[in-house]
Structure formats: C-alpha cells, structure tokens
Amino acid sequence: MQNSYVPSGETLLEMYRKVVLINKNDEHSHRVIKAGRIAAPYYSPRGQEIIPAAMSVNLTTQDYICTIYRGTHDMIAKGVPLKALWAEVAGRITGTSKGKGGPMHITHPESGCMVTTGVVGSSMPIANGLAWAAQLSGDGRVAVANFGDGASNIGAFHESLNMASLWKLPVIFLCQNNQYAEHTRYEKSTSVARISDRAAAYAMHGIHVDGNDPVAMYAAAREAVERARSGQGPTLIEAVTFRFKGHLLGDNDGYMDKEQKKAAMAVDPVPRFRAKLLADGIASEEQLAQIEADADREITEAIDYALDSAWPEFDELRKDVYADEVPA
C-alpha cells in the first residue's frame, strides 16, 4: 500500500469527528421525530458512518457529491451545515432549499453537496455531468456518486459507468452495499457476488473494500480520488457494510435475517473505531469525550435553530421553479 494511502493520526481523528456527528445526528433524529417535534420521513444511515467520513477527508469543498434520499451521512460528512440541514428537514425558510425540498432533496452547492435525489440510481448520471464539466474546464474537481446496492441493477448504473469509462471522467461511483435494497436481500436481486466485479465490463478500475474498516476505506477512497484527479478516469468502489435499522423510520425490519443483523451489530464500526483511536494512542478518552459532547451540542443547537425558524411564506410557492418566470 502506498504511503499516501495510509491515514495519519490527525486524519483518523478528523474522520472520527465526522463519524460521531453522523452517529449522534441519527440518535437525535429518531428522538425528535418520534416525539412529534418534526414531521418528516427519515432513513437511518446507522452502521454506514465510516464510508462517507473516509471519502470526505479525501475531498475538497470544491469537489462534488451526489447522494440519495438515504444519504444524510453523506451530506453531513461533506460539510452541509447542520442548522441549514435541520431547517430543511423541518420545512423552514432557513433550510438549504428554503424548506421546499425537504429531507429527500438536501442541496448545498457551497459545501459541494450538489443534489440529493429521491430517484434510485439517478445520482450517477448527474455525477457524470458534473465530472464532465470539471473535465472540460480543467478545474481539477472530482465528482462522487453515492448509491446503494439495489441501484447497481438499474439501467442508469450501466449507462453511467460506460460513459464515464469511455470519456475517462473524474468521477467515483461509491456503492454503499448495505446488503439490502429497501426490503430485498442482496442475493435475491443481484446476480454477481461482488458489485465491484462489474467494473471490468466497462474497462474501469474496481475496488472491493470493507466499508466499516476506517483504514481500508480511507485507502480505497484516496486511491480513487487520486486516479480521478490525475486524469486516469473513474473508479467503482464497492464498500461493504450493513444497515442496522429498517429502510425508514417505522419499518420494523422483520424481513432482515436476525442472525446476520446480530453479527453485524456485534462488530459495530463506531465503537470499534473509537477503541482503535485509544489503543493506537491517537487520542485520549478526554479528547474523544469532548468530540462527542461537541457533536451533541452542535446538533441540539441546529434543531433549536430549525424549530425557531419561520415557515416559508405563500409567495415562495412559485419561486425557484424557473429561472425567469413568465406569466401565462
């Protein structure tokens, strides 16, 4: 493994900050929505925290990500401000889309979160467009398309990989394989043992990695970003993980294999990452406790900010629909 693919202690600590923020945000989301303080659909990323944390520390603010409606962890890791994120979830005017997009459509170009889409698989062709723009302008930006294992079985996946490889676009296809496509187990809907094997069909570099291993996931992300930025073209990363909760809040996950879930939760990546930082002498108990307390405080402040913000006025209804609205 190249030295540049091994994260420093400082980088691992920055990854942990992002992991904690994602993890704590999930806890608060369940609590706030169940208490009826906010009415919104919620898709838990619990169990998948390492993947976007490892990817984001290899990206700049100018680099792009496209994610999906299950991608709260991707948004937080990329740096979408929590106050604006929570305000959008709550439907308030101070949200990222003035409260009109909602939790399934978080967009914040300033941090590089270009689109959150509710259409399965559509992150990929959009990321291709952003990567093509970067290639044409020569600005050195990289685009990342986040998606789940189920999305690898639709046409947009294959069309996007083919185009990206043909044009050597600076794009990374990051499949977060959490073993379930909504309510369907991986082996019941996917013909290949590894999604990363599909890269070969498009003459593309493919990486299969344990998405819950912070060092391995960092190395995979680093390699893909360096390849994209240096003009070597796209990479398909299959980051294997496991989703700890149902498809969305209120789903009792009765369709999930109980033993499989039990085994996955027994090796929860968050406490394992924490233990590694302590064992390797990268951080002290006091430092990690402070990071966790800071995350709780930041999220609480964001929730209060969102709930104290105003609702959009009626005249916002037709704004942001067309660049220049022309009365009929």
Protein backbone atom coordinates (compact mmCIF):
# COMPACT_ATOMS: atom_id res chain seq x y z
CA MET A 1 0.00 0.00 0.00
CA GLN A 2 1.33 3.44 -0.92
CA ASN A 3 2.25 5.75 1.97
CA SER A 4 -0.31 8.28 0.71
CA TYR A 5 -2.99 5.66 1.22
CA VAL A 6 -2.27 5.33 4.96
CA PRO A 7 -4.17 7.93 7.03
CA SER A 8 -2.29 9.95 9.61
CA GLY A 9 -3.46 10.10 13.19
CA GLU A 10 -4.79 13.60 12.56
CA THR A 11 -6.78 12.37 9.56
CA LEU A 12 -8.22 9.46 11.54
CA LEU A 13 -9.29 11.87 14.26
CA GLU A 14 -11.00 14.09 11.68
CA MET A 15 -12.77 11.02 10.32
CA TYR A 16 -13.92 10.16 13.82
CA ARG A 17 -15.37 13.65 14.28
CA LYS A 18 -17.48 13.11 11.18
CA VAL A 19 -18.47 9.59 12.26
CA VAL A 20 -19.61 10.89 15.65
CA LEU A 21 -21.57 13.73 14.09
CA ILE A 22 -23.38 11.28 11.80
CA ASN A 23 -24.00 8.85 14.64
CA LYS A 24 -25.27 11.49 17.06
CA ASN A 25 -27.43 13.06 14.35
CA ASP A 26 -29.10 9.69 13.87
CA GLU A 27 -29.86 9.43 17.59
CA HIS A 28 -31.34 12.93 17.69
CA SER A 29 -33.35 12.33 14.50
CA HIS A 30 -35.12 9.33 15.98
CA ARG A 31 -35.81 11.17 19.21
CA VAL A 32 -37.12 14.39 17.63
CA ILE A 33 -39.35 12.71 15.04
CA LYS A 34 -40.75 10.15 17.48
CA ALA A 35 -41.55 12.98 19.90
CA GLY A 36 -43.56 14.69 17.16
CA ARG A 37 -41.42 17.83 17.16
CA ILE A 38 -40.78 17.41 13.43
CA ALA A 39 -42.90 15.54 10.89
CA ALA A 40 -40.59 14.09 8.23
CA PRO A 41 -39.58 10.78 6.67
CA TYR A 42 -36.26 9.54 7.99
CA TYR A 43 -33.85 6.94 6.59
CA SER A 44 -31.23 5.90 9.12
CA PRO A 45 -27.60 5.54 7.96
CA ARG A 46 -26.67 3.75 11.18
CA GLY A 47 -23.88 1.24 10.52
CA GLN A 48 -22.60 3.10 7.45
CA GLU A 49 -20.86 6.04 9.16
CA ILE A 50 -17.29 5.15 8.19
CA ILE A 51 -17.80 5.25 4.42
CA PRO A 52 -18.61 8.94 3.85
CA ALA A 53 -16.22 10.01 6.60
CA ALA A 54 -13.33 8.27 4.82
CA MET A 55 -14.34 9.62 1.43
CA SER A 56 -14.90 13.20 2.55
CA VAL A 57 -11.47 13.68 4.15
CA ASN A 58 -10.02 12.97 0.70
CA LEU A 59 -12.16 15.63 -0.99
CA THR A 60 -12.06 19.42 -1.03
CA THR A 61 -15.02 21.75 -0.58
CA GLN A 62 -14.91 22.33 -4.36
CA ASP A 63 -15.31 18.62 -5.14
CA TYR A 64 -18.82 17.40 -5.84
CA ILE A 65 -21.01 14.73 -4.31
CA CYS A 66 -24.39 13.49 -5.45
CA THR A 67 -26.30 11.41 -2.98
CA ILE A 68 -29.67 9.76 -2.47
CA TYR A 69 -32.58 10.15 -0.08
CA ARG A 70 -30.85 7.72 2.31
CA GLY A 71 -27.73 9.89 2.27
CA THR A 72 -27.88 12.02 5.42
CA HIS A 73 -24.47 10.65 6.40
CA ASP A 74 -23.02 11.72 3.03
CA MET A 75 -24.36 15.26 3.46
CA ILE A 76 -23.01 15.65 6.99
CA ALA A 77 -19.59 14.23 6.11
CA LYS A 78 -19.27 16.59 3.13
CA GLY A 79 -19.95 19.58 5.34
CA VAL A 80 -23.56 20.62 4.80
CA PRO A 81 -24.20 22.99 7.74
CA LEU A 82 -26.32 21.28 10.36
CA LYS A 83 -28.53 24.28 11.02
CA ALA A 84 -29.48 24.61 7.36
CA LEU A 85 -29.88 20.83 7.04
CA TRP A 86 -32.20 20.55 10.03
CA ALA A 87 -34.17 23.61 8.93
CA GLU A 88 -34.78 21.95 5.57
CA VAL A 89 -35.88 18.73 7.26
CA ALA A 90 -38.29 20.81 9.34
CA GLY A 91 -39.57 22.64 6.24
CA ARG A 92 -38.41 26.09 7.34
CA ILE A 93 -37.37 29.09 5.25
CA THR A 94 -33.79 28.94 6.62
CA GLY A 95 -33.30 25.47 5.15
CA THR A 96 -30.94 24.61 2.31
CA SER A 97 -33.83 24.87 -0.17
CA LYS A 98 -35.94 27.35 1.82
CA GLY A 99 -37.94 24.48 3.28
CA LYS A 100 -39.34 23.47 -0.10
CA GLY A 101 -37.19 20.45 -0.83
CA GLY A 102 -37.47 18.54 2.41
CA PRO A 103 -35.19 15.78 3.72
CA MET A 104 -35.11 13.87 0.44
CA HIS A 105 -33.76 16.81 -1.54
CA ILE A 106 -30.98 18.43 0.50
CA THR A 107 -28.80 20.56 -1.79
CA HIS A 108 -25.90 22.77 -0.69
CA PRO A 109 -23.50 23.69 -3.52
CA GLU A 110 -21.31 25.74 -1.19
CA SER A 111 -20.14 22.54 0.50
CA GLY A 112 -20.17 20.51 -2.72
CA CYS A 113 -23.38 18.60 -1.98
CA MET A 114 -24.88 19.23 -5.40
CA VAL A 115 -28.01 17.13 -5.24
CA THR A 116 -29.92 14.66 -3.11
CA THR A 117 -32.27 12.65 -5.25
CA GLY A 118 -35.27 10.53 -4.44
CA VAL A 119 -34.94 8.58 -7.69
CA VAL A 120 -32.94 5.37 -7.21
CA GLY A 121 -29.73 5.39 -9.24
CA SER A 122 -30.05 8.92 -10.56
CA SER A 123 -27.03 10.16 -8.59
CA MET A 124 -24.78 8.50 -11.17
CA PRO A 125 -25.69 10.27 -14.44
CA ILE A 126 -25.80 13.59 -12.56
CA ALA A 127 -22.31 12.98 -11.16
CA ASN A 128 -21.16 12.20 -14.71
CA GLY A 129 -22.42 15.59 -15.85
CA LEU A 130 -20.57 17.35 -13.04
CA ALA A 131 -17.41 15.37 -13.79
CA TRP A 132 -17.68 16.21 -17.50
CA ALA A 133 -17.96 19.91 -16.62
CA ALA A 134 -14.86 19.58 -14.44
CA GLN A 135 -13.01 17.82 -17.23
CA LEU A 136 -13.94 20.48 -19.80
CA SER A 137 -12.97 23.35 -17.52
CA GLY A 138 -9.81 21.64 -16.29
CA ASP A 139 -10.51 22.80 -12.74
CA GLY A 140 -9.33 19.52 -11.17
CA ARG A 141 -12.59 18.79 -9.41
CA VAL A 142 -13.79 15.26 -8.69
CA ALA A 143 -17.41 14.07 -8.54
CA VAL A 144 -18.65 11.26 -6.30
CA ALA A 145 -21.91 9.41 -6.89
CA ASN A 146 -23.24 7.68 -3.76
CA PHE A 147 -25.76 4.89 -4.18
CA GLY A 148 -26.85 1.57 -2.71
CA ASP A 149 -26.50 -2.00 -3.91
CA GLY A 150 -30.02 -2.03 -5.34
CA ALA A 151 -29.22 0.88 -7.65
CA SER A 152 -26.48 -1.17 -9.33
CA ASN A 153 -29.21 -3.20 -11.03
CA ILE A 154 -30.85 -0.38 -12.94
CA GLY A 155 -30.01 0.98 -16.37
CA ALA A 156 -28.57 4.29 -15.14
CA PHE A 157 -25.76 2.42 -13.39
CA HIS A 158 -24.60 0.66 -16.55
CA GLU A 159 -25.09 3.67 -18.80
CA SER A 160 -23.16 5.90 -16.42
CA LEU A 161 -20.24 3.52 -15.99
CA ASN A 162 -19.97 3.05 -19.74
CA MET A 163 -19.91 6.79 -20.45
CA ALA A 164 -17.54 7.58 -17.59
CA SER A 165 -15.06 4.96 -18.75
CA LEU A 166 -15.32 5.97 -22.39
CA TRP A 167 -14.58 9.62 -21.63
CA LYS A 168 -12.28 8.95 -18.64
CA LEU A 169 -14.34 11.23 -16.45
CA PRO A 170 -13.05 12.28 -13.00
CA VAL A 171 -15.89 10.50 -11.21
CA ILE A 172 -16.10 7.92 -8.43
CA PHE A 173 -19.04 5.54 -8.19
CA LEU A 174 -19.35 4.75 -4.49
CA CYS A 175 -21.68 1.83 -3.89
CA GLN A 176 -22.52 1.53 -0.20
CA ASN A 177 -23.51 -2.11 -0.20
CA ASN A 178 -25.53 -2.46 3.00
CA GLN A 179 -26.90 -5.87 1.95
CA TYR A 180 -30.50 -4.74 1.44
CA ALA A 181 -32.24 -2.91 -1.40
CA GLU A 182 -35.14 -1.44 0.55
CA HIS A 183 -36.68 -4.75 1.77
CA THR A 184 -34.85 -7.16 -0.54
CA ARG A 185 -31.73 -9.10 0.42
CA TYR A 186 -28.72 -8.70 -1.83
CA GLU A 187 -28.59 -12.29 -3.11
CA LYS A 188 -32.25 -12.21 -4.14
CA SER A 189 -31.81 -9.36 -6.58
CA THR A 190 -28.18 -9.29 -7.73
CA SER A 191 -26.58 -11.89 -9.98
CA VAL A 192 -22.93 -11.21 -9.13
CA ALA A 193 -21.17 -11.98 -5.87
CA ARG A 194 -19.46 -8.58 -5.94
CA ILE A 195 -20.77 -5.38 -7.46
CA SER A 196 -17.16 -4.25 -7.92
CA ASP A 197 -16.70 -7.09 -10.44
CA ARG A 198 -18.95 -5.18 -12.82
CA ALA A 199 -16.23 -2.56 -13.29
CA ALA A 200 -14.32 -4.96 -15.56
CA ALA A 201 -17.17 -4.94 -18.08
CA TYR A 202 -16.52 -1.24 -18.64
CA ALA A 203 -12.71 -1.35 -18.54
CA MET A 204 -12.90 0.53 -15.26
CA HIS A 205 -10.87 0.26 -12.08
CA GLY A 206 -12.85 -1.55 -9.39
CA ILE A 207 -12.25 -1.77 -5.64
CA HIS A 208 -13.94 -4.10 -3.17
CA VAL A 209 -13.43 -2.90 0.40
CA ASP A 210 -14.68 -3.38 3.95
CA GLY A 211 -16.60 -0.15 4.36
CA ASN A 212 -16.51 -0.48 8.14
CA ASP A 213 -12.70 -0.51 8.33
CA PRO A 214 -11.57 3.14 8.57
CA VAL A 215 -8.02 2.49 7.32
CA ALA A 216 -9.07 0.29 4.39
CA MET A 217 -11.91 2.60 3.44
CA TYR A 218 -9.61 5.61 3.55
CA ALA A 219 -7.11 3.86 1.28
CA ALA A 220 -9.81 2.95 -1.25
CA ALA A 221 -11.15 6.50 -1.31
CA ARG A 222 -7.67 8.00 -1.55
CA GLU A 223 -6.72 5.79 -4.49
CA ALA A 224 -9.93 6.57 -6.37
CA VAL A 225 -9.65 10.33 -5.80
CA GLU A 226 -6.01 10.41 -6.92
CA ARG A 227 -6.86 8.45 -10.06
CA ALA A 228 -9.74 10.79 -10.90
CA ARG A 229 -7.82 13.98 -10.20
CA SER A 230 -4.79 12.89 -12.22
CA GLY A 231 -6.80 12.08 -15.36
CA GLN A 232 -6.78 8.29 -15.00
CA GLY A 233 -10.54 8.11 -15.12
CA PRO A 234 -13.32 6.69 -12.97
CA THR A 235 -13.37 4.08 -10.22
CA LEU A 236 -16.15 1.86 -8.96
CA ILE A 237 -15.86 1.30 -5.20
CA GLU A 238 -17.99 -1.32 -3.51
CA ALA A 239 -17.87 -0.56 0.21
CA VAL A 240 -19.43 -3.48 2.05
CA THR A 241 -21.33 -2.52 5.18
CA PHE A 242 -24.61 -3.29 6.94
CA ARG A 243 -27.61 -1.19 7.74
CA PHE A 244 -28.61 -1.54 11.39
CA LYS A 245 -32.17 -0.31 11.04
CA GLY A 246 -35.08 -0.73 8.66
CA HIS A 247 -35.45 1.02 5.34
CA LEU A 248 -37.04 4.01 7.05
CA LEU A 249 -38.22 5.08 10.48
CA GLY A 250 -41.25 2.96 11.36
CA ASP A 251 -40.03 -0.09 9.42
CA ASN A 252 -39.69 -2.95 11.92
CA ASP A 253 -37.14 -4.74 9.63
CA GLY A 254 -38.90 -8.09 10.05
CA TYR A 255 -37.61 -9.10 6.61
CA MET A 256 -33.97 -8.89 7.76
CA ASP A 257 -32.04 -12.00 8.74
CA LYS A 258 -31.86 -11.81 12.54
CA GLU A 259 -28.57 -13.68 12.88
CA GLN A 260 -26.97 -11.61 10.12
CA LYS A 261 -28.07 -8.41 11.83
CA LYS A 262 -26.93 -9.62 15.24
CA ALA A 263 -23.48 -10.49 13.87
CA ALA A 264 -23.14 -7.11 12.15
CA MET A 265 -24.14 -5.16 15.22
CA ALA A 266 -21.69 -7.14 17.34
CA VAL A 267 -18.88 -5.51 15.33
CA ASP A 268 -20.43 -2.03 15.26
CA PRO A 269 -17.87 0.14 13.41
CA VAL A 270 -18.34 3.22 15.61
CA PRO A 271 -17.19 1.82 18.98
CA ARG A 272 -14.52 -0.22 17.16
CA PHE A 273 -13.14 2.95 15.59
CA ARG A 274 -13.19 4.66 18.99
CA ALA A 275 -11.32 1.77 20.59
CA LYS A 276 -8.72 1.84 17.82
CA LEU A 277 -8.00 5.53 18.39
CA LEU A 278 -7.45 4.85 22.08
CA ALA A 279 -5.39 1.68 21.57
CA ASP A 280 -3.12 3.34 18.99
CA GLY A 281 -2.57 6.38 21.19
CA ILE A 282 -4.08 8.72 18.62
CA ALA A 283 -6.47 10.30 21.12
CA SER A 284 -7.21 10.20 24.84
CA GLU A 285 -10.51 9.34 26.47
CA GLU A 286 -10.93 13.01 27.34
CA GLN A 287 -10.41 14.10 23.72
CA LEU A 288 -12.94 11.64 22.38
CA ALA A 289 -15.47 12.51 25.07
CA GLN A 290 -15.11 16.18 24.12
CA ILE A 291 -15.66 15.40 20.43
CA GLU A 292 -18.83 13.51 21.35
CA ALA A 293 -20.09 16.28 23.63
CA ASP A 294 -19.39 18.90 20.95
CA ALA A 295 -21.39 16.88 18.42
CA ASP A 296 -24.37 16.62 20.78
CA ARG A 297 -24.26 20.36 21.42
CA GLU A 298 -23.96 21.25 17.73
CA ILE A 299 -26.91 19.07 16.78
CA THR A 300 -29.08 20.35 19.63
CA GLU A 301 -28.36 23.92 18.57
CA ALA A 302 -29.23 23.03 14.97
CA ILE A 303 -32.56 21.51 15.98
CA ASP A 304 -33.46 24.53 18.11
CA TYR A 305 -32.47 26.83 15.26
CA ALA A 306 -34.67 24.90 12.84
CA LEU A 307 -37.71 24.89 15.10
CA ASP A 308 -37.30 28.58 15.88
CA SER A 309 -37.16 29.47 12.18
CA ALA A 310 -40.16 30.70 10.21
CA TRP A 311 -42.17 28.69 7.74
CA PRO A 312 -41.94 29.73 4.07
CA GLU A 313 -44.47 32.39 3.06
CA PHE A 314 -47.08 31.56 0.45
CA ASP A 315 -45.31 33.70 -2.17
CA GLU A 316 -42.37 31.26 -2.04
CA LEU A 317 -44.51 28.61 -3.71
CA ARG A 318 -43.67 29.66 -7.28
CA LYS A 319 -40.12 30.84 -6.67
CA ASP A 320 -37.12 28.76 -7.70
CA VAL A 321 -39.19 26.82 -10.21
CA TYR A 322 -37.99 28.57 -13.36
CA ALA A 323 -35.01 30.88 -13.86
CA ASP A 324 -37.31 33.61 -15.18
CA GLU A 325 -40.98 33.05 -14.68
CA VAL A 326 -43.15 34.34 -17.50
CA PRO A 327 -46.87 34.76 -16.62
CA ALA A 328 -49.15 32.78 -18.92
